PDB file of N, CA and C in Angstrom:
ATOM      1  N   MET A   1      10.937  18.212  21.456  1.00  0.00           N
ATOM      2  CA  MET A   1       9.945  17.143  21.503  1.00  0.00           C
ATOM      3  C   MET A   1      11.037  16.470  19.832  1.00  0.00           C
ATOM      4  N   ALA A   2      10.704  15.239  19.546  1.00  0.00           N
ATOM      5  CA  ALA A   2      11.377  14.525  18.670  1.00  0.00           C
ATOM      6  C   ALA A   2      10.358  14.981  17.208  1.00  0.00           C
ATOM      7  N   GLU A   3      11.342  15.058  16.088  1.00  0.00           N
ATOM      8  CA  GLU A   3      10.136  14.723  14.896  1.00  0.00           C
ATOM      9  C   GLU A   3      10.210  13.855  14.409  1.00  0.00           C
ATOM     10  N   PRO A   4       9.301  13.832  13.647  1.00  0.00           N
ATOM     11  CA  PRO A   4       8.923  12.336  12.760  1.00  0.00           C
ATOM     12  C   PRO A   4       9.739  12.325  11.552  1.00  0.00           C
ATOM     13  N   ILE A   5      10.597  11.097  11.390  1.00  0.00           N
ATOM     14  CA  ILE A   5      11.384  10.642  10.187  1.00  0.00           C
ATOM     15  C   ILE A   5      10.631  10.932   9.181  1.00  0.00           C
ATOM     16  N   ARG A   6      11.063  11.539   7.968  1.00  0.00           N
ATOM     17  CA  ARG A   6      10.551  11.728   6.424  1.00  0.00           C
ATOM     18  C   ARG A   6      11.371  10.485   5.582  1.00  0.00           C
ATOM     19  N   LEU A   7      10.517   9.834   5.260  1.00  0.00           N
ATOM     20  CA  LEU A   7      11.009   8.988   4.468  1.00  0.00           C
ATOM     21  C   LEU A   7      11.245   9.177   3.139  1.00  0.00           C
ATOM     22  N   GLY A   8      11.618   9.054   2.294  1.00  0.00           N
ATOM     23  CA  GLY A   8      11.886   9.559   0.423  1.00  0.00           C
ATOM     24  C   GLY A   8      12.392   8.626  -0.139  1.00  0.00           C
ATOM     25  N   LEU A   9      12.133   8.320  -1.406  1.00  0.00           N
ATOM     26  CA  LEU A   9      12.695   7.536  -2.044  1.00  0.00           C
ATOM     27  C   LEU A   9      13.284   8.133  -3.554  1.00  0.00           C
ATOM     28  N   LEU A  10      14.224   8.084  -4.015  1.00  0.00           N
ATOM     29  CA  LEU A  10      14.688   8.543  -4.931  1.00  0.00           C
ATOM     30  C   LEU A  10      15.346   7.303  -6.255  1.00  0.00           C
ATOM     31  N   ILE A  11      15.021   7.383  -7.232  1.00  0.00           N
ATOM     32  CA  ILE A  11      15.291   6.454  -8.154  1.00  0.00           C
ATOM     33  C   ILE A  11      15.592   7.240  -9.537  1.00  0.00           C
ATOM     34  N   GLU A  12      17.027   7.419 -10.088  1.00  0.00           N
ATOM     35  CA  GLU A  12      17.206   8.253 -11.200  1.00  0.00           C
ATOM     36  C   GLU A  12      17.207   7.219 -12.165  1.00  0.00           C
ATOM     37  N   ASP A  13      18.190   6.139 -12.177  1.00  0.00           N
ATOM     38  CA  ASP A  13      17.900   5.290 -13.597  1.00  0.00           C
ATOM     39  C   ASP A  13      16.435   4.994 -14.198  1.00  0.00           C
ATOM     40  N   PRO A  14      16.094   5.247 -15.298  1.00  0.00           N
ATOM     41  CA  PRO A  14      15.039   5.101 -15.595  1.00  0.00           C
ATOM     42  C   PRO A  14      14.431   3.357 -15.730  1.00  0.00           C
ATOM     43  N   GLU A  15      15.518   2.832 -16.159  1.00  0.00           N
ATOM     44  CA  GLU A  15      15.408   1.156 -15.772  1.00  0.00           C
ATOM     45  C   GLU A  15      15.145   0.705 -14.429  1.00  0.00           C
ATOM     46  N   ASP A  16      15.599   1.214 -13.906  1.00  0.00           N
ATOM     47  CA  ASP A  16      15.218   1.012 -12.163  1.00  0.00           C
ATOM     48  C   ASP A  16      13.678   1.284 -11.964  1.00  0.00           C
ATOM     49  N   VAL A  17      13.604   2.440 -12.378  1.00  0.00           N
ATOM     50  CA  VAL A  17      12.164   2.963 -12.327  1.00  0.00           C
ATOM     51  C   VAL A  17      11.198   2.206 -12.389  1.00  0.00           C
ATOM     52  N   ARG A  18      11.444   1.621 -13.704  1.00  0.00           N
ATOM     53  CA  ARG A  18      10.343   0.728 -14.675  1.00  0.00           C
ATOM     54  C   ARG A  18      10.465  -0.639 -13.805  1.00  0.00           C
ATOM     55  N   GLU A  19      11.468  -1.022 -12.953  1.00  0.00           N
ATOM     56  CA  GLU A  19      11.722  -2.485 -12.606  1.00  0.00           C
ATOM     57  C   GLU A  19      10.961  -1.860 -11.101  1.00  0.00           C
ATOM     58  N   PHE A  20      11.050  -0.981 -10.291  1.00  0.00           N
ATOM     59  CA  PHE A  20      10.424  -0.542  -9.206  1.00  0.00           C
ATOM     60  C   PHE A  20       8.679  -0.439  -9.198  1.00  0.00           C
ATOM     61  N   GLU A  21       8.482   0.592 -10.427  1.00  0.00           N
ATOM     62  CA  GLU A  21       7.199  -0.004 -10.779  1.00  0.00           C
ATOM     63  C   GLU A  21       6.189  -1.029 -11.142  1.00  0.00           C
ATOM     64  N   GLU A  22       6.739  -1.660 -11.652  1.00  0.00           N
ATOM     65  CA  GLU A  22       6.576  -2.997 -12.260  1.00  0.00           C
ATOM     66  C   GLU A  22       6.222  -4.170 -10.965  1.00  0.00           C
ATOM     67  N   ASN A  23       7.427  -4.227  -9.913  1.00  0.00           N
ATOM     68  CA  ASN A  23       7.552  -4.799  -8.570  1.00  0.00           C
ATOM     69  C   ASN A  23       6.103  -4.131  -7.930  1.00  0.00           C
ATOM     70  N   MET A  24       5.836  -3.263  -7.987  1.00  0.00           N
ATOM     71  CA  MET A  24       4.927  -2.470  -7.110  1.00  0.00           C
ATOM     72  C   MET A  24       3.437  -3.148  -7.703  1.00  0.00           C
ATOM     73  N   ARG A  25       3.189  -3.283  -9.259  1.00  0.00           N
ATOM     74  CA  ARG A  25       2.041  -3.466  -9.198  1.00  0.00           C
ATOM     75  C   ARG A  25       1.972  -4.646  -9.389  1.00  0.00           C
ATOM     76  N   ASN A  26       3.141  -5.705  -9.506  1.00  0.00           N
ATOM     77  CA  ASN A  26       2.917  -7.025  -9.589  1.00  0.00           C
ATOM     78  C   ASN A  26       4.230  -8.124  -8.863  1.00  0.00           C
ATOM     79  N   PRO A  27       3.579  -7.730  -7.206  1.00  0.00           N
ATOM     80  CA  PRO A  27       4.569  -8.147  -6.269  1.00  0.00           C
ATOM     81  C   PRO A  27       4.701 -10.056  -6.286  1.00  0.00           C
ATOM     82  N   LYS A  28       5.951 -10.323  -6.576  1.00  0.00           N
ATOM     83  CA  LYS A  28       6.503 -11.796  -6.355  1.00  0.00           C
ATOM     84  C   LYS A  28       7.066 -12.265  -5.041  1.00  0.00           C
ATOM     85  N   ALA A  29       6.628 -13.657  -4.617  1.00  0.00           N
ATOM     86  CA  ALA A  29       7.282 -13.870  -3.521  1.00  0.00           C
ATOM     87  C   ALA A  29       7.731 -15.718  -4.078  1.00  0.00           C
ATOM     88  N   THR A  30       8.470 -15.925  -3.123  1.00  0.00           N
ATOM     89  CA  THR A  30       9.356 -17.157  -3.424  1.00  0.00           C
ATOM     90  C   THR A  30       8.753 -18.194  -2.387  1.00  0.00           C
ATOM     91  N   LYS A  31       8.534 -19.179  -2.837  1.00  0.00           N
ATOM     92  CA  LYS A  31       8.092 -20.571  -2.210  1.00  0.00           C
ATOM     93  C   LYS A  31       8.268 -20.453  -0.745  1.00  0.00           C
ATOM     94  N   GLU A  32       9.109 -20.215  -0.380  1.00  0.00           N
ATOM     95  CA  GLU A  32       9.671 -20.052   1.153  1.00  0.00           C
ATOM     96  C   GLU A  32       9.366 -18.816   1.838  1.00  0.00           C
ATOM     97  N   GLN A  33       9.064 -17.588   1.092  1.00  0.00           N
ATOM     98  CA  GLN A  33       8.158 -16.787   1.676  1.00  0.00           C
ATOM     99  C   GLN A  33       6.855 -16.827   1.883  1.00  0.00           C
ATOM    100  N   VAL A  34       5.944 -17.344   0.658  1.00  0.00           N
ATOM    101  CA  VAL A  34       4.459 -17.877   1.021  1.00  0.00           C
ATOM    102  C   VAL A  34       4.333 -18.912   2.173  1.00  0.00           C
ATOM    103  N   GLU A  35       5.470 -20.011   2.167  1.00  0.00           N
ATOM    104  CA  GLU A  35       4.830 -20.994   3.421  1.00  0.00           C
ATOM    105  C   GLU A  35       5.393 -20.029   5.039  1.00  0.00           C
ATOM    106  N   PHE A  36       6.319 -19.186   4.737  1.00  0.00           N
ATOM    107  CA  PHE A  36       6.567 -18.386   6.121  1.00  0.00           C
ATOM    108  C   PHE A  36       5.233 -17.480   6.517  1.00  0.00           C
ATOM    109  N   ILE A  37       4.801 -16.802   5.496  1.00  0.00           N
ATOM    110  CA  ILE A  37       3.371 -16.131   5.945  1.00  0.00           C
ATOM    111  C   ILE A  37       2.193 -17.473   6.226  1.00  0.00           C
ATOM    112  N   ARG A  38       2.328 -18.326   5.592  1.00  0.00           N
ATOM    113  CA  ARG A  38       1.098 -19.314   5.954  1.00  0.00           C
ATOM    114  C   ARG A  38       1.544 -19.714   7.537  1.00  0.00           C
ATOM    115  N   GLU A  39       2.687 -20.186   7.647  1.00  0.00           N
ATOM    116  CA  GLU A  39       3.187 -20.610   8.984  1.00  0.00           C
ATOM    117  C   GLU A  39       2.716 -19.405  10.207  1.00  0.00           C
ATOM    118  N   ALA A  40       3.235 -18.138   9.800  1.00  0.00           N
ATOM    119  CA  ALA A  40       2.819 -16.855  11.089  1.00  0.00           C
ATOM    120  C   ALA A  40       0.853 -17.028  11.124  1.00  0.00           C
ATOM    121  N   ILE A  41       0.374 -17.334  10.064  1.00  0.00           N
ATOM    122  CA  ILE A  41      -1.188 -17.242   9.847  1.00  0.00           C
ATOM    123  C   ILE A  41      -1.222 -18.431  10.966  1.00  0.00           C
ATOM    124  N   ARG A  42      -0.863 -19.239  10.798  1.00  0.00           N
ATOM    125  CA  ARG A  42      -1.461 -20.852  11.490  1.00  0.00           C
ATOM    126  C   ARG A  42      -0.938 -20.278  12.819  1.00  0.00           C
ATOM    127  N   VAL A  43      -0.005 -19.770  13.576  1.00  0.00           N
ATOM    128  CA  VAL A  43       0.824 -19.562  14.779  1.00  0.00           C
ATOM    129  C   VAL A  43      -0.362 -18.459  15.291  1.00  0.00           C
ATOM    130  N   TYR A  44      -1.078 -17.604  14.536  1.00  0.00           N
ATOM    131  CA  TYR A  44      -1.650 -16.268  15.071  1.00  0.00           C
ATOM    132  C   TYR A  44      -2.923 -16.794  15.631  1.00  0.00           C
ATOM    133  N   LYS A  45      -3.832 -17.750  14.472  1.00  0.00           N
ATOM    134  CA  LYS A  45      -4.678 -18.525  14.708  1.00  0.00           C
ATOM    135  C   LYS A  45      -4.854 -19.284  15.978  1.00  0.00           C
ATOM    136  N   THR A  46      -3.438 -19.931  15.925  1.00  0.00           N
ATOM    137  CA  THR A  46      -4.069 -20.729  17.594  1.00  0.00           C
ATOM    138  C   THR A  46      -3.310 -20.102  18.825  1.00  0.00           C
ATOM    139  N   HIS A  47      -2.537 -18.768  18.561  1.00  0.00           N
ATOM    140  CA  HIS A  47      -2.303 -18.239  19.594  1.00  0.00           C
ATOM    141  C   HIS A  47      -3.071 -16.584  19.921  1.00  0.00           C
ATOM    142  N   PRO A  48      -4.127 -16.538  19.793  1.00  0.00           N
ATOM    143  CA  PRO A  48      -4.786 -15.353  19.577  1.00  0.00           C
ATOM    144  C   PRO A  48      -4.387 -14.205  21.068  1.00  0.00           C
ATOM    145  N   PHE A  49      -4.789 -13.082  20.443  1.00  0.00           N
ATOM    146  CA  PHE A  49      -4.286 -12.215  22.103  1.00  0.00           C
ATOM    147  C   PHE A  49      -5.386 -12.337  22.917  1.00  0.00           C
TER     148      PHE A  49
END
């Protein structure tokens, strides 16, 4: 039987840790990403399962 994949994250540089934690608390999205998500929602609503 296959074993589950164990994911882990190791960040050693203190500045990288600070940046990662800030991004987790306050994620940012580009205008293109927001538009992509809006389009995906629109498509989903017009073609439900």
